[in-house]
Amino acid sequence: MSKERAKRRALLAAERAKRMQKFERRRARRAALRRMVPKVKVGRTGKIFPRRSRAQRSVIALLVLVVLLLVWTFVDSVAARIGISAVVIIATPALTVLVLDRRI
């Protein structure tokens, strides 16, 4: 009787070891696949200014439009108008980050 139980225990242990080996291979495969797949950045919403509220985006756009209106109203040279407009449009994202992303 004890010999039969010992045989059964040995068979169960062998089956358990086989299952654990299979599980470990599957886990290693999943981990390798997870390392290959690029991680999605958390907090990305697909908007131009994902960290800004609707009010902040509206104020930014309004200020840019006001500055462009002032430039096109008070500057006489067309080349200067285009140049200043380009600088305003290019500098807006950097200034937005500098002004609104301050951490205290």
PDB file of N, CA and C in Angstrom:
ATOM      1  N   MET A   1       0.822  -1.187   0.000  1.00  0.00           N
ATOM      2  CA  MET A   1       0.000   0.000   0.000  1.00  0.00           C
ATOM      3  C   MET A   1       0.875   1.264   0.000  1.00  0.00           C
ATOM      4  N   SER A   2       1.890   1.291   0.856  1.00  0.00           N
ATOM      5  CA  SER A   2       2.728   2.473   0.917  1.00  0.00           C
ATOM      6  C   SER A   2       3.565   2.627  -0.355  1.00  0.00           C
ATOM      7  N   LYS A   3       3.898   1.486  -0.980  1.00  0.00           N
ATOM      8  CA  LYS A   3       4.650   1.556  -2.233  1.00  0.00           C
ATOM      9  C   LYS A   3       3.782   2.182  -3.331  1.00  0.00           C
ATOM     10  N   GLU A   4       2.495   1.843  -3.348  1.00  0.00           N
ATOM     11  CA  GLU A   4       1.582   2.417  -4.328  1.00  0.00           C
ATOM     12  C   GLU A   4       1.427   3.923  -4.113  1.00  0.00           C
ATOM     13  N   ARG A   5       1.290   4.304  -2.852  1.00  0.00           N
ATOM     14  CA  ARG A   5       1.188   5.746  -2.551  1.00  0.00           C
ATOM     15  C   ARG A   5       2.460   6.478  -2.942  1.00  0.00           C
ATOM     16  N   ALA A   6       3.574   5.873  -2.696  1.00  0.00           N
ATOM     17  CA  ALA A   6       4.849   6.491  -3.074  1.00  0.00           C
ATOM     18  C   ALA A   6       4.929   6.648  -4.587  1.00  0.00           C
ATOM     19  N   LYS A   7       4.478   5.624  -5.338  1.00  0.00           N
ATOM     20  CA  LYS A   7       4.472   5.725  -6.798  1.00  0.00           C
ATOM     21  C   LYS A   7       3.544   6.845  -7.254  1.00  0.00           C
ATOM     22  N   ARG A   8       2.346   6.902  -6.644  1.00  0.00           N
ATOM     23  CA  ARG A   8       1.392   7.971  -7.011  1.00  0.00           C
ATOM     24  C   ARG A   8       1.971   9.343  -6.702  1.00  0.00           C
ATOM     25  N   ARG A   9       2.588   9.452  -5.512  1.00  0.00           N
ATOM     26  CA  ARG A   9       3.211  10.736  -5.153  1.00  0.00           C
ATOM     27  C   ARG A   9       4.302  11.113  -6.137  1.00  0.00           C
ATOM     28  N   ALA A  10       5.083  10.156  -6.552  1.00  0.00           N
ATOM     29  CA  ALA A  10       6.157  10.415  -7.524  1.00  0.00           C
ATOM     30  C   ALA A  10       5.569  10.844  -8.863  1.00  0.00           C
ATOM     31  N   LEU A  11       4.494  10.168  -9.283  1.00  0.00           N
ATOM     32  CA  LEU A  11       3.843  10.560 -10.537  1.00  0.00           C
ATOM     33  C   LEU A  11       3.264  11.966 -10.438  1.00  0.00           C
ATOM     34  N   LEU A  12       2.591  12.255  -9.317  1.00  0.00           N
ATOM     35  CA  LEU A  12       2.032  13.596  -9.119  1.00  0.00           C
ATOM     36  C   LEU A  12       3.125  14.654  -9.091  1.00  0.00           C
ATOM     37  N   ALA A  13       4.216  14.347  -8.433  1.00  0.00           N
ATOM     38  CA  ALA A  13       5.323  15.308  -8.372  1.00  0.00           C
ATOM     39  C   ALA A  13       5.902  15.532  -9.766  1.00  0.00           C
ATOM     40  N   ALA A  14       6.013  14.465 -10.543  1.00  0.00           N
ATOM     41  CA  ALA A  14       6.540  14.602 -11.906  1.00  0.00           C
ATOM     42  C   ALA A  14       5.588  15.440 -12.761  1.00  0.00           C
ATOM     43  N   GLU A  15       4.282  15.183 -12.624  1.00  0.00           N
ATOM     44  CA  GLU A  15       3.298  15.979 -13.373  1.00  0.00           C
ATOM     45  C   GLU A  15       3.340  17.443 -12.948  1.00  0.00           C
ATOM     46  N   ARG A  16       3.440  17.666 -11.637  1.00  0.00           N
ATOM     47  CA  ARG A  16       3.501  19.037 -11.120  1.00  0.00           C
ATOM     48  C   ARG A  16       4.747  19.747 -11.641  1.00  0.00           C
ATOM     49  N   ALA A  17       5.868  19.048 -11.655  1.00  0.00           N
ATOM     50  CA  ALA A  17       7.115  19.647 -12.168  1.00  0.00           C
ATOM     51  C   ALA A  17       6.983  19.967 -13.652  1.00  0.00           C
ATOM     52  N   LYS A  18       6.329  19.062 -14.399  1.00  0.00           N
ATOM     53  CA  LYS A  18       6.124  19.288 -15.816  1.00  0.00           C
ATOM     54  C   LYS A  18       5.248  20.523 -16.050  1.00  0.00           C
ATOM     55  N   ARG A  19       4.157  20.628 -15.261  1.00  0.00           N
ATOM     56  CA  ARG A  19       3.272  21.798 -15.383  1.00  0.00           C
ATOM     57  C   ARG A  19       3.997  23.085 -15.011  1.00  0.00           C
ATOM     58  N   MET A  20       4.793  23.023 -13.946  1.00  0.00           N
ATOM     59  CA  MET A  20       5.545  24.219 -13.533  1.00  0.00           C
ATOM     60  C   MET A  20       6.547  24.629 -14.608  1.00  0.00           C
ATOM     61  N   GLN A  21       7.174  23.649 -15.222  1.00  0.00           N
ATOM     62  CA  GLN A  21       8.130  23.951 -16.292  1.00  0.00           C
ATOM     63  C   GLN A  21       7.414  24.620 -17.462  1.00  0.00           C
ATOM     64  N   LYS A  22       6.256  24.078 -17.818  1.00  0.00           N
ATOM     65  CA  LYS A  22       5.464  24.657 -18.904  1.00  0.00           C
ATOM     66  C   LYS A  22       5.026  26.075 -18.551  1.00  0.00           C
ATOM     67  N   PHE A  23       4.581  26.257 -17.303  1.00  0.00           N
ATOM     68  CA  PHE A  23       4.155  27.576 -16.839  1.00  0.00           C
ATOM     69  C   PHE A  23       5.311  28.566 -16.883  1.00  0.00           C
ATOM     70  N   GLU A  24       6.490  28.143 -16.442  1.00  0.00           N
ATOM     71  CA  GLU A  24       7.670  29.019 -16.442  1.00  0.00           C
ATOM     72  C   GLU A  24       8.079  29.395 -17.865  1.00  0.00           C
ATOM     73  N   ARG A  25       8.001  28.427 -18.799  1.00  0.00           N
ATOM     74  CA  ARG A  25       8.317  28.748 -20.192  1.00  0.00           C
ATOM     75  C   ARG A  25       7.340  29.776 -20.746  1.00  0.00           C
ATOM     76  N   ARG A  26       6.049  29.582 -20.446  1.00  0.00           N
ATOM     77  CA  ARG A  26       5.023  30.504 -20.923  1.00  0.00           C
ATOM     78  C   ARG A  26       5.233  31.892 -20.307  1.00  0.00           C
ATOM     79  N   ARG A  27       5.548  31.937 -19.014  1.00  0.00           N
ATOM     80  CA  ARG A  27       5.785  33.221 -18.345  1.00  0.00           C
ATOM     81  C   ARG A  27       7.001  33.923 -18.929  1.00  0.00           C
ATOM     82  N   ALA A  28       8.066  33.166 -19.200  1.00  0.00           N
ATOM     83  CA  ALA A  28       9.276  33.759 -19.790  1.00  0.00           C
ATOM     84  C   ALA A  28       8.981  34.281 -21.192  1.00  0.00           C
ATOM     85  N   ARG A  29       8.181  33.527 -21.959  1.00  0.00           N
ATOM     86  CA  ARG A  29       7.817  33.962 -23.307  1.00  0.00           C
ATOM     87  C   ARG A  29       7.012  35.255 -23.252  1.00  0.00           C
ATOM     88  N   ARG A  30       6.049  35.306 -22.324  1.00  0.00           N
ATOM     89  CA  ARG A  30       5.254  36.533 -22.173  1.00  0.00           C
ATOM     90  C   ARG A  30       6.112  37.714 -21.765  1.00  0.00           C
ATOM     91  N   ALA A  31       7.050  37.481 -20.844  1.00  0.00           N
ATOM     92  CA  ALA A  31       7.933  38.567 -20.399  1.00  0.00           C
ATOM     93  C   ALA A  31       8.798  39.068 -21.551  1.00  0.00           C
ATOM     94  N   ALA A  32       9.294  38.146 -22.367  1.00  0.00           N
ATOM     95  CA  ALA A  32      10.112  38.549 -23.516  1.00  0.00           C
ATOM     96  C   ALA A  32       9.276  39.344 -24.512  1.00  0.00           C
ATOM     97  N   LEU A  33       8.042  38.897 -24.739  1.00  0.00           N
ATOM     98  CA  LEU A  33       7.160  39.617 -25.650  1.00  0.00           C
ATOM     99  C   LEU A  33       6.830  40.998 -25.100  1.00  0.00           C
ATOM    100  N   ARG A  34       6.591  41.081 -23.790  1.00  0.00           N
ATOM    101  CA  ARG A  34       6.289  42.366 -23.156  1.00  0.00           C
ATOM    102  C   ARG A  34       7.464  43.334 -23.281  1.00  0.00           C
ATOM    103  N   ARG A  35       8.689  42.808 -23.230  1.00  0.00           N
ATOM    104  CA  ARG A  35       9.863  43.680 -23.387  1.00  0.00           C
ATOM    105  C   ARG A  35       9.968  44.209 -24.810  1.00  0.00           C
ATOM    106  N   MET A  36       9.510  43.423 -25.799  1.00  0.00           N
ATOM    107  CA  MET A  36       9.610  43.849 -27.194  1.00  0.00           C
ATOM    108  C   MET A  36       8.549  44.870 -27.574  1.00  0.00           C
ATOM    109  N   VAL A  37       7.385  44.809 -26.953  1.00  0.00           N
ATOM    110  CA  VAL A  37       6.287  45.712 -27.294  1.00  0.00           C
ATOM    111  C   VAL A  37       6.538  47.058 -26.620  1.00  0.00           C
ATOM    112  N   PRO A  38       6.483  48.140 -27.380  1.00  0.00           N
ATOM    113  CA  PRO A  38       6.724  49.449 -26.760  1.00  0.00           C
ATOM    114  C   PRO A  38       5.634  49.774 -25.748  1.00  0.00           C
ATOM    115  N   LYS A  39       6.059  50.443 -24.681  1.00  0.00           N
ATOM    116  CA  LYS A  39       5.130  50.805 -23.630  1.00  0.00           C
ATOM    117  C   LYS A  39       4.357  52.056 -24.026  1.00  0.00           C
ATOM    118  N   VAL A  40       3.096  52.060 -23.705  1.00  0.00           N
ATOM    119  CA  VAL A  40       2.254  53.218 -23.977  1.00  0.00           C
ATOM    120  C   VAL A  40       2.457  54.204 -22.839  1.00  0.00           C
ATOM    121  N   LYS A  41       2.709  55.447 -23.196  1.00  0.00           N
ATOM    122  CA  LYS A  41       2.906  56.454 -22.167  1.00  0.00           C
ATOM    123  C   LYS A  41       1.579  56.812 -21.533  1.00  0.00           C
ATOM    124  N   VAL A  42       1.595  56.861 -20.229  1.00  0.00           N
ATOM    125  CA  VAL A  42       0.378  57.174 -19.502  1.00  0.00           C
ATOM    126  C   VAL A  42       0.137  58.669 -19.557  1.00  0.00           C
ATOM    127  N   GLY A  43      -1.103  59.061 -19.728  1.00  0.00           N
ATOM    128  CA  GLY A  43      -1.446  60.469 -19.711  1.00  0.00           C
ATOM    129  C   GLY A  43      -1.530  61.092 -21.082  1.00  0.00           C
ATOM    130  N   ARG A  44      -1.272  60.327 -22.117  1.00  0.00           N
ATOM    131  CA  ARG A  44      -1.362  60.883 -23.464  1.00  0.00           C
ATOM    132  C   ARG A  44      -2.813  60.840 -23.917  1.00  0.00           C
ATOM    133  N   THR A  45      -3.318  61.967 -24.384  1.00  0.00           N
ATOM    134  CA  THR A  45      -4.713  62.010 -24.803  1.00  0.00           C
ATOM    135  C   THR A  45      -4.862  62.211 -26.291  1.00  0.00           C
ATOM    136  N   GLY A  46      -3.777  62.521 -27.002  1.00  0.00           N
ATOM    137  CA  GLY A  46      -3.861  62.730 -28.434  1.00  0.00           C
ATOM    138  C   GLY A  46      -4.174  64.163 -28.813  1.00  0.00           C
ATOM    139  N   LYS A  47      -4.267  65.038 -27.839  1.00  0.00           N
ATOM    140  CA  LYS A  47      -4.533  66.443 -28.134  1.00  0.00           C
ATOM    141  C   LYS A  47      -3.209  67.174 -28.331  1.00  0.00           C
ATOM    142  N   ILE A  48      -3.295  68.385 -28.859  1.00  0.00           N
ATOM    143  CA  ILE A  48      -2.075  69.169 -29.046  1.00  0.00           C
ATOM    144  C   ILE A  48      -1.482  69.559 -27.697  1.00  0.00           C
ATOM    145  N   PHE A  49      -2.309  70.023 -26.792  1.00  0.00           N
ATOM    146  CA  PHE A  49      -1.855  70.387 -25.448  1.00  0.00           C
ATOM    147  C   PHE A  49      -2.522  69.440 -24.445  1.00  0.00           C
ATOM    148  N   PRO A  50      -2.036  68.232 -24.295  1.00  0.00           N
ATOM    149  CA  PRO A  50      -2.741  67.269 -23.450  1.00  0.00           C
ATOM    150  C   PRO A  50      -2.769  67.635 -21.978  1.00  0.00           C
ATOM    151  N   ARG A  51      -1.849  68.459 -21.513  1.00  0.00           N
ATOM    152  CA  ARG A  51      -1.814  68.800 -20.097  1.00  0.00           C
ATOM    153  C   ARG A  51      -2.616  70.062 -19.773  1.00  0.00           C
ATOM    154  N   ARG A  52      -3.215  70.659 -20.750  1.00  0.00           N
ATOM    155  CA  ARG A  52      -3.911  71.925 -20.548  1.00  0.00           C
ATOM    156  C   ARG A  52      -5.415  71.712 -20.499  1.00  0.00           C
ATOM    157  N   SER A  53      -6.051  72.527 -19.676  1.00  0.00           N
ATOM    158  CA  SER A  53      -7.507  72.494 -19.642  1.00  0.00           C
ATOM    159  C   SER A  53      -8.040  73.262 -20.851  1.00  0.00           C
ATOM    160  N   ARG A  54      -9.321  73.149 -21.064  1.00  0.00           N
ATOM    161  CA  ARG A  54      -9.942  73.850 -22.191  1.00  0.00           C
ATOM    162  C   ARG A  54      -9.776  75.366 -22.028  1.00  0.00           C
ATOM    163  N   ALA A  55      -9.908  75.875 -20.811  1.00  0.00           N
ATOM    164  CA  ALA A  55      -9.759  77.309 -20.564  1.00  0.00           C
ATOM    165  C   ALA A  55      -8.327  77.763 -20.860  1.00  0.00           C
ATOM    166  N   GLN A  56      -7.340  76.979 -20.430  1.00  0.00           N
ATOM    167  CA  GLN A  56      -5.953  77.349 -20.695  1.00  0.00           C
ATOM    168  C   GLN A  56      -5.665  77.358 -22.197  1.00  0.00           C
ATOM    169  N   ARG A  57      -6.141  76.352 -22.898  1.00  0.00           N
ATOM    170  CA  ARG A  57      -5.924  76.325 -24.348  1.00  0.00           C
ATOM    171  C   ARG A  57      -6.603  77.509 -25.024  1.00  0.00           C
ATOM    172  N   SER A  58      -7.784  77.878 -24.550  1.00  0.00           N
ATOM    173  CA  SER A  58      -8.502  79.018 -25.131  1.00  0.00           C
ATOM    174  C   SER A  58      -7.738  80.319 -24.897  1.00  0.00           C
ATOM    175  N   VAL A  59      -7.226  80.496 -23.698  1.00  0.00           N
ATOM    176  CA  VAL A  59      -6.468  81.719 -23.389  1.00  0.00           C
ATOM    177  C   VAL A  59      -5.189  81.780 -24.222  1.00  0.00           C
ATOM    178  N   ILE A  60      -4.513  80.653 -24.362  1.00  0.00           N
ATOM    179  CA  ILE A  60      -3.290  80.620 -25.170  1.00  0.00           C
ATOM    180  C   ILE A  60      -3.598  81.012 -26.613  1.00  0.00           C
ATOM    181  N   ALA A  61      -4.637  80.415 -27.181  1.00  0.00           N
ATOM    182  CA  ALA A  61      -5.001  80.720 -28.570  1.00  0.00           C
ATOM    183  C   ALA A  61      -5.418  82.180 -28.711  1.00  0.00           C
ATOM    184  N   LEU A  62      -6.172  82.685 -27.744  1.00  0.00           N
ATOM    185  CA  LEU A  62      -6.617  84.086 -27.797  1.00  0.00           C
ATOM    186  C   LEU A  62      -5.426  85.038 -27.737  1.00  0.00           C
ATOM    187  N   LEU A  63      -4.475  84.765 -26.844  1.00  0.00           N
ATOM    188  CA  LEU A  63      -3.293  85.625 -26.744  1.00  0.00           C
ATOM    189  C   LEU A  63      -2.471  85.600 -28.033  1.00  0.00           C
ATOM    190  N   VAL A  64      -2.316  84.430 -28.615  1.00  0.00           N
ATOM    191  CA  VAL A  64      -1.561  84.341 -29.876  1.00  0.00           C
ATOM    192  C   VAL A  64      -2.268  85.143 -30.966  1.00  0.00           C
ATOM    193  N   LEU A  65      -3.582  85.000 -31.040  1.00  0.00           N
ATOM    194  CA  LEU A  65      -4.332  85.752 -32.056  1.00  0.00           C
ATOM    195  C   LEU A  65      -4.236  87.255 -31.831  1.00  0.00           C
ATOM    196  N   VAL A  66      -4.290  87.691 -30.568  1.00  0.00           N
ATOM    197  CA  VAL A  66      -4.170  89.128 -30.263  1.00  0.00           C
ATOM    198  C   VAL A  66      -2.792  89.641 -30.659  1.00  0.00           C
ATOM    199  N   VAL A  67      -1.760  88.887 -30.330  1.00  0.00           N
ATOM    200  CA  VAL A  67      -0.400  89.306 -30.687  1.00  0.00           C
ATOM    201  C   VAL A  67      -0.249  89.369 -32.207  1.00  0.00           C
ATOM    202  N   LEU A  68      -0.775  88.367 -32.907  1.00  0.00           N
ATOM    203  CA  LEU A  68      -0.686  88.390 -34.372  1.00  0.00           C
ATOM    204  C   LEU A  68      -1.469  89.558 -34.956  1.00  0.00           C
ATOM    205  N   LEU A  69      -2.621  89.861 -34.382  1.00  0.00           N
ATOM    206  CA  LEU A  69      -3.413  91.005 -34.835  1.00  0.00           C
ATOM    207  C   LEU A  69      -2.646  92.314 -34.623  1.00  0.00           C
ATOM    208  N   LEU A  70      -2.014  92.442 -33.461  1.00  0.00           N
ATOM    209  CA  LEU A  70      -1.229  93.654 -33.189  1.00  0.00           C
ATOM    210  C   LEU A  70      -0.042  93.772 -34.150  1.00  0.00           C
ATOM    211  N   VAL A  71       0.620  92.658 -34.402  1.00  0.00           N
ATOM    212  CA  VAL A  71       1.764  92.682 -35.316  1.00  0.00           C
ATOM    213  C   VAL A  71       1.302  93.103 -36.710  1.00  0.00           C
ATOM    214  N   TRP A  72       0.235  92.507 -37.201  1.00  0.00           N
ATOM    215  CA  TRP A  72      -0.215  92.814 -38.555  1.00  0.00           C
ATOM    216  C   TRP A  72      -0.845  94.197 -38.648  1.00  0.00           C
ATOM    217  N   THR A  73      -1.224  94.766 -37.506  1.00  0.00           N
ATOM    218  CA  THR A  73      -1.797  96.119 -37.520  1.00  0.00           C
ATOM    219  C   THR A  73      -0.701  97.187 -37.466  1.00  0.00           C
ATOM    220  N   PHE A  74       0.285  97.018 -36.613  1.00  0.00           N
ATOM    221  CA  PHE A  74       1.238  98.091 -36.342  1.00  0.00           C
ATOM    222  C   PHE A  74       2.583  97.964 -37.049  1.00  0.00           C
ATOM    223  N   VAL A  75       2.892  96.850 -37.656  1.00  0.00           N
ATOM    224  CA  VAL A  75       4.168  96.690 -38.355  1.00  0.00           C
ATOM    225  C   VAL A  75       3.919  96.931 -39.842  1.00  0.00           C
ATOM    226  N   ASP A  76       4.786  97.791 -40.430  1.00  0.00           N
ATOM    227  CA  ASP A  76       4.573  98.192 -41.819  1.00  0.00           C
ATOM    228  C   ASP A  76       5.140  97.196 -42.829  1.00  0.00           C
ATOM    229  N   SER A  77       6.302  96.667 -42.569  1.00  0.00           N
ATOM    230  CA  SER A  77       6.969  95.795 -43.534  1.00  0.00           C
ATOM    231  C   SER A  77       6.315  94.410 -43.553  1.00  0.00           C
ATOM    232  N   VAL A  78       6.032  93.934 -44.759  1.00  0.00           N
ATOM    233  CA  VAL A  78       5.417  92.602 -44.895  1.00  0.00           C
ATOM    234  C   VAL A  78       6.391  91.515 -44.458  1.00  0.00           C
ATOM    235  N   ALA A  79       7.658  91.681 -44.785  1.00  0.00           N
ATOM    236  CA  ALA A  79       8.664  90.693 -44.375  1.00  0.00           C
ATOM    237  C   ALA A  79       8.763  90.627 -42.856  1.00  0.00           C
ATOM    238  N   ALA A  80       8.734  91.794 -42.208  1.00  0.00           N
ATOM    239  CA  ALA A  80       8.783  91.821 -40.745  1.00  0.00           C
ATOM    240  C   ALA A  80       7.529  91.191 -40.156  1.00  0.00           C
ATOM    241  N   ARG A  81       6.376  91.446 -40.753  1.00  0.00           N
ATOM    242  CA  ARG A  81       5.132  90.842 -40.277  1.00  0.00           C
ATOM    243  C   ARG A  81       5.220  89.314 -40.309  1.00  0.00           C
ATOM    244  N   ILE A  82       5.692  88.789 -41.446  1.00  0.00           N
ATOM    245  CA  ILE A  82       5.790  87.334 -41.597  1.00  0.00           C
ATOM    246  C   ILE A  82       6.814  86.765 -40.619  1.00  0.00           C
ATOM    247  N   GLY A  83       7.939  87.445 -40.479  1.00  0.00           N
ATOM    248  CA  GLY A  83       8.986  86.972 -39.559  1.00  0.00           C
ATOM    249  C   GLY A  83       8.527  86.961 -38.118  1.00  0.00           C
ATOM    250  N   ILE A  84       7.911  88.060 -37.678  1.00  0.00           N
ATOM    251  CA  ILE A  84       7.434  88.136 -36.290  1.00  0.00           C
ATOM    252  C   ILE A  84       6.312  87.118 -36.060  1.00  0.00           C
ATOM    253  N   SER A  85       5.446  86.945 -37.045  1.00  0.00           N
ATOM    254  CA  SER A  85       4.375  85.956 -36.914  1.00  0.00           C
ATOM    255  C   SER A  85       4.951  84.548 -36.765  1.00  0.00           C
ATOM    256  N   ALA A  86       5.972  84.246 -37.553  1.00  0.00           N
ATOM    257  CA  ALA A  86       6.610  82.921 -37.449  1.00  0.00           C
ATOM    258  C   ALA A  86       7.247  82.724 -36.077  1.00  0.00           C
ATOM    259  N   VAL A  87       7.916  83.768 -35.576  1.00  0.00           N
ATOM    260  CA  VAL A  87       8.541  83.670 -34.247  1.00  0.00           C
ATOM    261  C   VAL A  87       7.479  83.463 -33.173  1.00  0.00           C
ATOM    262  N   VAL A  88       6.372  84.187 -33.266  1.00  0.00           N
ATOM    263  CA  VAL A  88       5.304  84.041 -32.277  1.00  0.00           C
ATOM    264  C   VAL A  88       4.752  82.625 -32.304  1.00  0.00           C
ATOM    265  N   ILE A  89       4.494  82.107 -33.491  1.00  0.00           N
ATOM    266  CA  ILE A  89       3.915  80.761 -33.605  1.00  0.00           C
ATOM    267  C   ILE A  89       4.888  79.690 -33.128  1.00  0.00           C
ATOM    268  N   ILE A  90       6.165  79.859 -33.443  1.00  0.00           N
ATOM    269  CA  ILE A  90       7.165  78.872 -33.023  1.00  0.00           C
ATOM    270  C   ILE A  90       7.444  78.970 -31.523  1.00  0.00           C
ATOM    271  N   ALA A  91       7.431  80.166 -30.961  1.00  0.00           N
ATOM    272  CA  ALA A  91       7.770  80.344 -29.548  1.00  0.00           C
ATOM    273  C   ALA A  91       6.609  80.042 -28.609  1.00  0.00           C
ATOM    274  N   THR A  92       5.405  79.979 -29.113  1.00  0.00           N
ATOM    275  CA  THR A  92       4.238  79.767 -28.237  1.00  0.00           C
ATOM    276  C   THR A  92       4.324  78.484 -27.417  1.00  0.00           C
ATOM    277  N   PRO A  93       4.633  77.318 -27.983  1.00  0.00           N
ATOM    278  CA  PRO A  93       4.703  76.109 -27.142  1.00  0.00           C
ATOM    279  C   PRO A  93       5.765  76.199 -26.049  1.00  0.00           C
ATOM    280  N   ALA A  94       6.929  76.757 -26.378  1.00  0.00           N
ATOM    281  CA  ALA A  94       7.987  76.874 -25.371  1.00  0.00           C
ATOM    282  C   ALA A  94       7.576  77.817 -24.251  1.00  0.00           C
ATOM    283  N   LEU A  95       6.998  78.953 -24.611  1.00  0.00           N
ATOM    284  CA  LEU A  95       6.551  79.893 -23.583  1.00  0.00           C
ATOM    285  C   LEU A  95       5.425  79.307 -22.731  1.00  0.00           C
ATOM    286  N   THR A  96       4.557  78.536 -23.357  1.00  0.00           N
ATOM    287  CA  THR A  96       3.478  77.895 -22.611  1.00  0.00           C
ATOM    288  C   THR A  96       4.039  76.944 -21.566  1.00  0.00           C
ATOM    289  N   VAL A  97       5.011  76.150 -21.946  1.00  0.00           N
ATOM    290  CA  VAL A  97       5.621  75.217 -20.993  1.00  0.00           C
ATOM    291  C   VAL A  97       6.325  75.985 -19.879  1.00  0.00           C
ATOM    292  N   LEU A  98       7.045  77.036 -20.235  1.00  0.00           N
ATOM    293  CA  LEU A  98       7.764  77.812 -19.218  1.00  0.00           C
ATOM    294  C   LEU A  98       6.811  78.475 -18.239  1.00  0.00           C
ATOM    295  N   VAL A  99       5.694  78.974 -18.726  1.00  0.00           N
ATOM    296  CA  VAL A  99       4.780  79.729 -17.866  1.00  0.00           C
ATOM    297  C   VAL A  99       3.853  78.809 -17.074  1.00  0.00           C
ATOM    298  N   LEU A 100       3.308  77.788 -17.718  1.00  0.00           N
ATOM    299  CA  LEU A 100       2.254  76.990 -17.081  1.00  0.00           C
ATOM    300  C   LEU A 100       2.743  75.708 -16.409  1.00  0.00           C
ATOM    301  N   ASP A 101       3.932  75.248 -16.677  1.00  0.00           N
ATOM    302  CA  ASP A 101       4.387  73.994 -16.097  1.00  0.00           C
ATOM    303  C   ASP A 101       5.333  74.186 -14.914  1.00  0.00           C
ATOM    304  N   ARG A 102       5.185  75.253 -14.206  1.00  0.00           N
ATOM    305  CA  ARG A 102       6.058  75.474 -13.043  1.00  0.00           C
ATOM    306  C   ARG A 102       5.611  74.593 -11.884  1.00  0.00           C
ATOM    307  N   ARG A 103       6.600  73.942 -11.270  1.00  0.00           N
ATOM    308  CA  ARG A 103       6.305  73.131 -10.093  1.00  0.00           C
ATOM    309  C   ARG A 103       6.893  73.840  -8.884  1.00  0.00           C
ATOM    310  N   ILE A 104       6.100  73.984  -7.861  1.00  0.00           N
ATOM    311  CA  ILE A 104       6.561  74.729  -6.678  1.00  0.00           C
ATOM    312  C   ILE A 104       7.132  73.760  -5.670  1.00  0.00           C
TER     313      ILE A 104
END
